[in-house]
């Protein structure tokens, strides 16, 4: 009877451990090495003539310097907005065109609602907000627990440091760690044709490839 109770208690303990979330069994030194993804934002204000269809020469040069300061623009998101309610929304067009001409990705330029107050003077401002995702590697190396065998079969506190640090330093766009990319266009007819071939047992064979030199 005693042995049966022991067996029952062991079975219950194993069941509870199987249902427990993985994180609950990690000690502080065993926790996965996480990469922190933050947003770094900088702002620039363009002084724009209401009647002009392009940026003044001085503003063009200053905006060019601001973008050069940002570096690689392929991973930068731009938000633009009118800072005065009375400024026509078309005033954003020359700013958008200038951003694209200077290397900004048009798919990463967004318009925001205006802020500020009614403004009747000749000039009004357009604010450009540049946002970039930044990946920060975990604090490594981590030797909080001595890297010696202690009979507990636990991972070293430094486990995962190399992988997380390498990913944080090498990833082209840290935004990918925070959210997925938008899917591209797809052909419905092409997808349906694939299903039809499968249903009719007419699947295309895989391409034959070889690493050997062909005579």
C-alpha atoms as a PDB file:
ATOM      1  CA  UNK A   1       0.000   0.000   0.000  1.00  0.00           C
ATOM      2  CA  UNK A   2       2.813   2.384   0.851  1.00  0.00           C
ATOM      3  CA  UNK A   3       4.547   1.721  -2.464  1.00  0.00           C
ATOM      4  CA  UNK A   4       1.310   2.351  -4.348  1.00  0.00           C
ATOM      5  CA  UNK A   5       0.889   5.759  -2.657  1.00  0.00           C
ATOM      6  CA  UNK A   6       4.466   6.663  -3.497  1.00  0.00           C
ATOM      7  CA  UNK A   7       3.865   5.756  -7.112  1.00  0.00           C
ATOM      8  CA  UNK A   8       0.683   7.855  -7.177  1.00  0.00           C
ATOM      9  CA  UNK A   9       2.452  10.894  -5.710  1.00  0.00           C
ATOM     10  CA  UNK A  10       5.265  10.559  -8.245  1.00  0.00           C
ATOM     11  CA  UNK A  11       2.768  10.378 -11.106  1.00  0.00           C
ATOM     12  CA  UNK A  12       0.977  13.520  -9.859  1.00  0.00           C
ATOM     13  CA  UNK A  13       4.288  15.377  -9.551  1.00  0.00           C
ATOM     14  CA  UNK A  14       5.287  14.456 -13.103  1.00  0.00           C
ATOM     15  CA  UNK A  15       1.881  15.543 -14.408  1.00  0.00           C
ATOM     16  CA  UNK A  16       2.119  18.905 -12.631  1.00  0.00           C
ATOM     17  CA  UNK A  17       5.603  19.543 -13.963  1.00  0.00           C
ATOM     18  CA  UNK A  18       4.489  18.712 -17.508  1.00  0.00           C
ATOM     19  CA  UNK A  19       1.618  21.211 -17.319  1.00  0.00           C
ATOM     20  CA  UNK A  20       3.689  23.993 -15.769  1.00  0.00           C
ATOM     21  CA  UNK A  21       4.953  26.677 -18.146  1.00  0.00           C
ATOM     22  CA  UNK A  22       8.632  26.385 -19.032  1.00  0.00           C
ATOM     23  CA  UNK A  23       9.409  29.790 -17.560  1.00  0.00           C
ATOM     24  CA  UNK A  24       8.185  28.681 -14.145  1.00  0.00           C
ATOM     25  CA  UNK A  25      11.000  26.147 -13.874  1.00  0.00           C
ATOM     26  CA  UNK A  26      13.781  28.543 -14.829  1.00  0.00           C
ATOM     27  CA  UNK A  27      15.946  30.064 -12.156  1.00  0.00           C
ATOM     28  CA  UNK A  28      17.097  33.678 -12.700  1.00  0.00           C
ATOM     29  CA  UNK A  29      20.423  32.497 -14.107  1.00  0.00           C
ATOM     30  CA  UNK A  30      18.702  30.060 -16.472  1.00  0.00           C
ATOM     31  CA  UNK A  31      16.279  32.539 -18.027  1.00  0.00           C
ATOM     32  CA  UNK A  32      16.578  32.802 -21.823  1.00  0.00           C
ATOM     33  CA  UNK A  33      18.796  35.639 -23.016  1.00  0.00           C
ATOM     34  CA  UNK A  34      16.321  38.118 -24.499  1.00  0.00           C
ATOM     35  CA  UNK A  35      17.036  40.851 -27.053  1.00  0.00           C
ATOM     36  CA  UNK A  36      15.433  44.197 -26.200  1.00  0.00           C
ATOM     37  CA  UNK A  37      13.874  45.994 -29.181  1.00  0.00           C
ATOM     38  CA  UNK A  38      13.256  49.723 -28.704  1.00  0.00           C
ATOM     39  CA  UNK A  39      12.308  52.633 -30.948  1.00  0.00           C
ATOM     40  CA  UNK A  40      14.682  55.568 -31.343  1.00  0.00           C
ATOM     41  CA  UNK A  41      12.947  58.672 -32.698  1.00  0.00           C
ATOM     42  CA  UNK A  42      14.275  62.008 -33.942  1.00  0.00           C
ATOM     43  CA  UNK A  43      12.320  65.000 -35.160  1.00  0.00           C
ATOM     44  CA  UNK A  44      12.976  67.659 -37.783  1.00  0.00           C
ATOM     45  CA  UNK A  45      10.755  70.633 -38.698  1.00  0.00           C
ATOM     46  CA  UNK A  46      10.526  71.973 -42.243  1.00  0.00           C
ATOM     47  CA  UNK A  47       9.587  75.632 -42.678  1.00  0.00           C
ATOM     48  CA  UNK A  48       7.453  75.557 -45.799  1.00  0.00           C
ATOM     49  CA  UNK A  49       6.030  78.373 -47.924  1.00  0.00           C
ATOM     50  CA  UNK A  50       2.280  77.841 -48.298  1.00  0.00           C
ATOM     51  CA  UNK A  51       2.341  78.664 -52.015  1.00  0.00           C
ATOM     52  CA  UNK A  52       5.491  76.726 -52.933  1.00  0.00           C
ATOM     53  CA  UNK A  53       5.390  73.308 -54.605  1.00  0.00           C
ATOM     54  CA  UNK A  54       8.939  72.437 -53.521  1.00  0.00           C
ATOM     55  CA  UNK A  55      11.151  73.009 -50.529  1.00  0.00           C
ATOM     56  CA  UNK A  56      13.172  76.240 -50.402  1.00  0.00           C
ATOM     57  CA  UNK A  57      16.877  75.783 -51.135  1.00  0.00           C
ATOM     58  CA  UNK A  58      17.914  76.321 -47.529  1.00  0.00           C
ATOM     59  CA  UNK A  59      15.368  73.819 -46.225  1.00  0.00           C
ATOM     60  CA  UNK A  60      16.427  71.294 -48.852  1.00  0.00           C
ATOM     61  CA  UNK A  61      20.044  71.397 -47.675  1.00  0.00           C
ATOM     62  CA  UNK A  62      19.153  71.190 -43.984  1.00  0.00           C
ATOM     63  CA  UNK A  63      16.815  68.234 -44.587  1.00  0.00           C
ATOM     64  CA  UNK A  64      19.570  66.556 -46.590  1.00  0.00           C
ATOM     65  CA  UNK A  65      21.948  66.945 -43.642  1.00  0.00           C
ATOM     66  CA  UNK A  66      19.336  65.561 -41.238  1.00  0.00           C
ATOM     67  CA  UNK A  67      18.855  62.440 -43.356  1.00  0.00           C
ATOM     68  CA  UNK A  68      22.615  61.996 -43.761  1.00  0.00           C
ATOM     69  CA  UNK A  69      22.858  62.042 -39.968  1.00  0.00           C
ATOM     70  CA  UNK A  70      20.374  59.140 -39.807  1.00  0.00           C
ATOM     71  CA  UNK A  71      22.586  56.934 -41.969  1.00  0.00           C
ATOM     72  CA  UNK A  72      20.997  53.990 -43.787  1.00  0.00           C
ATOM     73  CA  UNK A  73      17.411  55.041 -44.570  1.00  0.00           C
ATOM     74  CA  UNK A  74      16.189  51.598 -45.642  1.00  0.00           C
ATOM     75  CA  UNK A  75      15.195  50.746 -42.050  1.00  0.00           C
ATOM     76  CA  UNK A  76      13.830  54.176 -41.041  1.00  0.00           C
ATOM     77  CA  UNK A  77      10.097  54.929 -40.788  1.00  0.00           C
ATOM     78  CA  UNK A  78       9.023  58.518 -41.415  1.00  0.00           C
ATOM     79  CA  UNK A  79       5.871  60.151 -40.099  1.00  0.00           C
ATOM     80  CA  UNK A  80       4.974  63.625 -41.343  1.00  0.00           C
ATOM     81  CA  UNK A  81       2.310  65.990 -40.099  1.00  0.00           C
ATOM     82  CA  UNK A  82       1.189  69.588 -40.294  1.00  0.00           C
ATOM     83  CA  UNK A  83       1.891  71.541 -37.138  1.00  0.00           C
ATOM     84  CA  UNK A  84      -0.860  74.052 -37.927  1.00  0.00           C
ATOM     85  CA  UNK A  85      -4.484  73.227 -38.690  1.00  0.00           C
ATOM     86  CA  UNK A  86      -4.804  75.895 -41.353  1.00  0.00           C
ATOM     87  CA  UNK A  87      -2.006  74.495 -43.522  1.00  0.00           C
ATOM     88  CA  UNK A  88      -3.328  72.697 -46.604  1.00  0.00           C
ATOM     89  CA  UNK A  89      -2.699  68.956 -46.567  1.00  0.00           C
ATOM     90  CA  UNK A  90      -1.100  69.315 -50.007  1.00  0.00           C
ATOM     91  CA  UNK A  91       1.824  70.971 -48.240  1.00  0.00           C
ATOM     92  CA  UNK A  92       2.898  67.473 -47.228  1.00  0.00           C
ATOM     93  CA  UNK A  93       3.389  66.435 -50.864  1.00  0.00           C
ATOM     94  CA  UNK A  94       6.672  68.280 -51.523  1.00  0.00           C
ATOM     95  CA  UNK A  95       8.031  66.984 -48.211  1.00  0.00           C
ATOM     96  CA  UNK A  96       7.151  63.410 -49.184  1.00  0.00           C
ATOM     97  CA  UNK A  97       8.721  63.847 -52.617  1.00  0.00           C
ATOM     98  CA  UNK A  98      11.901  65.250 -51.095  1.00  0.00           C
ATOM     99  CA  UNK A  99      12.190  62.361 -48.629  1.00  0.00           C
ATOM    100  CA  UNK A 100      11.844  59.815 -51.443  1.00  0.00           C
ATOM    101  CA  UNK A 101      14.319  61.702 -53.656  1.00  0.00           C
ATOM    102  CA  UNK A 102      16.866  61.619 -50.828  1.00  0.00           C
ATOM    103  CA  UNK A 103      16.576  57.858 -50.323  1.00  0.00           C
ATOM    104  CA  UNK A 104      13.623  57.197 -48.010  1.00  0.00           C
ATOM    105  CA  UNK A 105      11.500  54.102 -48.672  1.00  0.00           C
ATOM    106  CA  UNK A 106       8.070  55.347 -49.885  1.00  0.00           C
ATOM    107  CA  UNK A 107       6.419  52.352 -48.193  1.00  0.00           C
ATOM    108  CA  UNK A 108       7.713  53.655 -44.850  1.00  0.00           C
ATOM    109  CA  UNK A 109       6.354  57.196 -45.057  1.00  0.00           C
ATOM    110  CA  UNK A 110       3.125  57.834 -43.158  1.00  0.00           C
ATOM    111  CA  UNK A 111       0.911  60.865 -42.624  1.00  0.00           C
ATOM    112  CA  UNK A 112      -0.269  61.807 -39.149  1.00  0.00           C
ATOM    113  CA  UNK A 113      -3.065  64.088 -38.045  1.00  0.00           C
ATOM    114  CA  UNK A 114      -2.101  67.741 -37.671  1.00  0.00           C
ATOM    115  CA  UNK A 115      -1.450  69.364 -34.327  1.00  0.00           C
ATOM    116  CA  UNK A 116      -1.269  72.961 -33.173  1.00  0.00           C
ATOM    117  CA  UNK A 117      -3.496  75.972 -33.771  1.00  0.00           C
ATOM    118  CA  UNK A 118      -4.947  78.113 -36.571  1.00  0.00           C
ATOM    119  CA  UNK A 119      -2.162  79.904 -38.391  1.00  0.00           C
ATOM    120  CA  UNK A 120      -2.596  82.675 -40.980  1.00  0.00           C
ATOM    121  CA  UNK A 121       0.965  83.745 -41.791  1.00  0.00           C
ATOM    122  CA  UNK A 122       2.833  82.990 -45.018  1.00  0.00           C
ATOM    123  CA  UNK A 123       4.922  80.183 -43.534  1.00  0.00           C
ATOM    124  CA  UNK A 124       3.839  77.081 -41.665  1.00  0.00           C
ATOM    125  CA  UNK A 125       5.740  74.098 -40.364  1.00  0.00           C
ATOM    126  CA  UNK A 126       5.754  70.420 -41.336  1.00  0.00           C
ATOM    127  CA  UNK A 127       7.245  68.056 -38.775  1.00  0.00           C
ATOM    128  CA  UNK A 128       9.163  64.951 -39.841  1.00  0.00           C
ATOM    129  CA  UNK A 129       9.523  62.205 -37.251  1.00  0.00           C
ATOM    130  CA  UNK A 130      12.155  59.573 -38.066  1.00  0.00           C
ATOM    131  CA  UNK A 131      11.809  56.279 -36.204  1.00  0.00           C
ATOM    132  CA  UNK A 132      14.270  53.421 -36.187  1.00  0.00           C
ATOM    133  CA  UNK A 133      14.080  50.098 -34.349  1.00  0.00           C
ATOM    134  CA  UNK A 134      17.162  49.327 -32.270  1.00  0.00           C
ATOM    135  CA  UNK A 135      18.124  45.867 -31.016  1.00  0.00           C
ATOM    136  CA  UNK A 136      20.027  45.753 -27.728  1.00  0.00           C
ATOM    137  CA  UNK A 137      21.909  42.583 -26.889  1.00  0.00           C
ATOM    138  CA  UNK A 138      21.487  41.065 -23.410  1.00  0.00           C
ATOM    139  CA  UNK A 139      24.082  41.702 -20.752  1.00  0.00           C
ATOM    140  CA  UNK A 140      26.716  39.169 -21.718  1.00  0.00           C
ATOM    141  CA  UNK A 141      28.786  37.293 -20.800  1.00  0.00           C
ATOM    142  CA  UNK A 142      26.870  36.122 -17.761  1.00  0.00           C
ATOM    143  CA  UNK A 143      28.887  34.081 -15.284  1.00  0.00           C
ATOM    144  CA  UNK A 144      26.468  34.513 -12.367  1.00  0.00           C
ATOM    145  CA  UNK A 145      26.652  30.770 -11.769  1.00  0.00           C
ATOM    146  CA  UNK A 146      30.063  29.067 -11.887  1.00  0.00           C
ATOM    147  CA  UNK A 147      30.522  27.034 -15.051  1.00  0.00           C
ATOM    148  CA  UNK A 148      31.351  23.813 -13.247  1.00  0.00           C
ATOM    149  CA  UNK A 149      29.531  20.543 -12.932  1.00  0.00           C
ATOM    150  CA  UNK A 150      27.345  20.485  -9.814  1.00  0.00           C
ATOM    151  CA  UNK A 151      25.281  17.383 -10.487  1.00  0.00           C
ATOM    152  CA  UNK A 152      22.083  19.326 -11.155  1.00  0.00           C
ATOM    153  CA  UNK A 153      22.320  19.070 -14.960  1.00  0.00           C
ATOM    154  CA  UNK A 154      21.463  22.776 -15.357  1.00  0.00           C
ATOM    155  CA  UNK A 155      22.522  25.061 -18.170  1.00  0.00           C
ATOM    156  CA  UNK A 156      25.320  27.520 -17.609  1.00  0.00           C
ATOM    157  CA  UNK A 157      24.167  31.051 -16.768  1.00  0.00           C
ATOM    158  CA  UNK A 158      25.993  32.087 -19.937  1.00  0.00           C
ATOM    159  CA  UNK A 159      23.946  29.700 -22.085  1.00  0.00           C
ATOM    160  CA  UNK A 160      22.391  31.513 -25.055  1.00  0.00           C
ATOM    161  CA  UNK A 161      24.571  34.619 -24.769  1.00  0.00           C
ATOM    162  CA  UNK A 162      26.516  34.025 -27.966  1.00  0.00           C
ATOM    163  CA  UNK A 163      23.395  33.357 -30.051  1.00  0.00           C
ATOM    164  CA  UNK A 164      21.428  36.353 -28.754  1.00  0.00           C
ATOM    165  CA  UNK A 165      24.383  38.740 -29.008  1.00  0.00           C
ATOM    166  CA  UNK A 166      25.215  37.649 -32.561  1.00  0.00           C
ATOM    167  CA  UNK A 167      21.601  38.052 -33.678  1.00  0.00           C
ATOM    168  CA  UNK A 168      21.277  41.517 -32.117  1.00  0.00           C
ATOM    169  CA  UNK A 169      24.463  42.691 -33.842  1.00  0.00           C
ATOM    170  CA  UNK A 170      23.850  41.122 -37.250  1.00  0.00           C
ATOM    171  CA  UNK A 171      20.144  41.539 -37.938  1.00  0.00           C
ATOM    172  CA  UNK A 172      19.552  43.915 -40.863  1.00  0.00           C
ATOM    173  CA  UNK A 173      16.293  45.380 -39.535  1.00  0.00           C
ATOM    174  CA  UNK A 174      15.567  44.988 -35.791  1.00  0.00           C
ATOM    175  CA  UNK A 175      11.919  45.730 -36.596  1.00  0.00           C
ATOM    176  CA  UNK A 176      11.665  42.098 -37.710  1.00  0.00           C
ATOM    177  CA  UNK A 177      12.146  41.028 -34.086  1.00  0.00           C
ATOM    178  CA  UNK A 178       9.158  43.111 -32.976  1.00  0.00           C
ATOM    179  CA  UNK A 179       6.626  42.393 -35.711  1.00  0.00           C
ATOM    180  CA  UNK A 180       6.357  40.528 -38.971  1.00  0.00           C
ATOM    181  CA  UNK A 181       6.531  42.100 -42.394  1.00  0.00           C
ATOM    182  CA  UNK A 182       3.493  42.720 -44.541  1.00  0.00           C
ATOM    183  CA  UNK A 183       2.786  39.949 -47.020  1.00  0.00           C
ATOM    184  CA  UNK A 184       3.300  40.696 -50.695  1.00  0.00           C
ATOM    185  CA  UNK A 185       0.723  40.323 -53.463  1.00  0.00           C
ATOM    186  CA  UNK A 186      -0.291  36.786 -54.415  1.00  0.00           C
ATOM    187  CA  UNK A 187      -1.925  35.294 -57.503  1.00  0.00           C
ATOM    188  CA  UNK A 188      -5.185  33.532 -56.706  1.00  0.00           C
ATOM    189  CA  UNK A 189      -5.221  31.763 -60.085  1.00  0.00           C
ATOM    190  CA  UNK A 190      -1.701  30.420 -59.493  1.00  0.00           C
ATOM    191  CA  UNK A 191      -2.644  29.071 -56.058  1.00  0.00           C
ATOM    192  CA  UNK A 192      -5.854  27.463 -57.360  1.00  0.00           C
ATOM    193  CA  UNK A 193      -3.889  25.756 -60.157  1.00  0.00           C
ATOM    194  CA  UNK A 194      -1.617  24.159 -57.538  1.00  0.00           C
ATOM    195  CA  UNK A 195      -4.615  22.800 -55.601  1.00  0.00           C
ATOM    196  CA  UNK A 196      -6.157  21.484 -58.828  1.00  0.00           C
ATOM    197  CA  UNK A 197      -2.969  19.624 -59.733  1.00  0.00           C
ATOM    198  CA  UNK A 198      -2.925  18.078 -56.270  1.00  0.00           C
ATOM    199  CA  UNK A 199      -6.594  17.026 -56.445  1.00  0.00           C
ATOM    200  CA  UNK A 200      -6.108  15.455 -59.887  1.00  0.00           C
ATOM    201  CA  UNK A 201      -2.895  13.662 -58.879  1.00  0.00           C
ATOM    202  CA  UNK A 202      -0.916  15.680 -61.385  1.00  0.00           C
ATOM    203  CA  UNK A 203       1.648  17.305 -59.113  1.00  0.00           C
ATOM    204  CA  UNK A 204       4.746  18.687 -60.817  1.00  0.00           C
ATOM    205  CA  UNK A 205       7.903  16.673 -60.044  1.00  0.00           C
ATOM    206  CA  UNK A 206      10.717  18.345 -58.161  1.00  0.00           C
ATOM    207  CA  UNK A 207      13.623  19.712 -60.159  1.00  0.00           C
ATOM    208  CA  UNK A 208      16.519  17.273 -60.398  1.00  0.00           C
ATOM    209  CA  UNK A 209      19.751  18.793 -59.113  1.00  0.00           C
ATOM    210  CA  UNK A 210      23.202  17.371 -58.535  1.00  0.00           C
ATOM    211  CA  UNK A 211      26.496  18.578 -57.149  1.00  0.00           C
ATOM    212  CA  UNK A 212      28.363  16.372 -59.618  1.00  0.00           C
ATOM    213  CA  UNK A 213      29.679  17.668 -62.905  1.00  0.00           C
ATOM    214  CA  UNK A 214      27.439  16.693 -65.799  1.00  0.00           C
ATOM    215  CA  UNK A 215      29.061  15.380 -69.000  1.00  0.00           C
END
